Amino acid sequence: MAFCVELDQFGQDFLDKLCHQLTSDLQQSHPADAICKVIAEAGKLLSDKLPRADSDVNELQDTLVLLD
């Protein structure tokens, strides 16, 4: 899976930072706001090393499914 290989270049600290941010924000704010905030932060951090090209195609639906 190409994305997983690319994600390895960011290291565990990258994932830990996002996890800590999400956990902290979930305790302090509305869950939807916390999820949106961490997704936006991940996008900013990932965009430097994984820039979007004009030819990129969105292969996945833009939906979020929460399971209880």
Protein backbone atom coordinates (compact mmCIF):
# COMPACT_ATOMS: atom_id res chain seq x y z
CA MET A 1 0.00 0.00 0.00
CA ALA A 2 1.74 3.16 -1.21
CA PHE A 3 0.19 5.49 1.36
CA CYS A 4 1.48 3.41 4.29
CA VAL A 5 4.99 3.41 2.88
CA GLU A 6 4.85 7.18 2.46
CA LEU A 7 3.44 7.65 5.96
CA ASP A 8 6.45 5.80 7.42
CA GLN A 9 8.67 8.75 6.50
CA PHE A 10 6.88 10.87 9.12
CA GLY A 11 7.64 8.55 12.02
CA GLN A 12 5.85 7.63 15.21
CA ASP A 13 6.27 11.11 16.71
CA PHE A 14 4.09 12.51 13.91
CA LEU A 15 1.30 10.03 14.68
CA ASP A 16 1.69 10.50 18.44
CA LYS A 17 1.28 14.28 18.07
CA LEU A 18 -1.95 13.88 16.10
CA CYS A 19 -3.25 11.25 18.53
CA HIS A 20 -2.49 13.46 21.53
CA GLN A 21 -4.16 16.44 19.87
CA LEU A 22 -7.27 14.41 19.06
CA THR A 23 -7.50 12.90 22.54
CA SER A 24 -7.06 16.27 24.22
CA ASP A 25 -9.56 18.02 21.94
CA LEU A 26 -12.13 15.24 22.39
CA GLN A 27 -12.03 15.83 26.14
CA GLN A 28 -12.40 19.59 25.79
CA SER A 29 -14.76 20.14 22.85
CA HIS A 30 -17.45 18.70 20.65
CA PRO A 31 -16.29 15.46 18.97
CA ALA A 32 -16.98 16.73 15.44
CA ASP A 33 -14.89 19.85 16.07
CA ALA A 34 -12.04 17.75 17.48
CA ILE A 35 -12.04 15.42 14.48
CA CYS A 36 -12.16 18.29 11.98
CA LYS A 37 -9.32 20.08 13.77
CA VAL A 38 -7.00 17.05 13.76
CA ILE A 39 -7.79 16.27 10.10
CA ALA A 40 -6.93 19.86 9.15
CA GLU A 41 -3.68 19.66 11.14
CA ALA A 42 -2.76 16.34 9.52
CA GLY A 43 -3.43 17.86 6.10
CA LYS A 44 -1.09 20.77 6.83
CA LEU A 45 1.67 18.48 8.07
CA LEU A 46 1.29 15.98 5.23
CA SER A 47 1.04 18.53 2.42
CA ASP A 48 4.73 19.44 2.53
CA LYS A 49 5.96 15.92 1.79
CA LEU A 50 2.88 14.64 -0.04
CA PRO A 51 1.74 17.57 -2.17
CA ARG A 52 -1.42 17.23 -4.23
CA ALA A 53 -0.80 17.28 -7.97
CA ASP A 54 -3.25 18.69 -10.49
CA SER A 55 -3.64 15.18 -11.91
CA ASP A 56 -4.56 13.58 -8.55
CA VAL A 57 -7.92 11.84 -8.45
CA ASN A 58 -9.99 11.48 -5.28
CA GLU A 59 -10.39 7.70 -5.11
CA LEU A 60 -12.40 7.63 -1.89
CA GLN A 61 -15.74 9.08 -0.95
CA ASP A 62 -15.63 12.24 1.17
CA THR A 63 -17.55 10.69 4.04
CA LEU A 64 -16.80 9.76 7.61
CA VAL A 65 -18.38 6.69 9.19
CA LEU A 66 -18.41 6.44 12.99
CA LEU A 67 -18.98 3.04 14.50
CA ASP A 68 -20.24 2.54 18.05
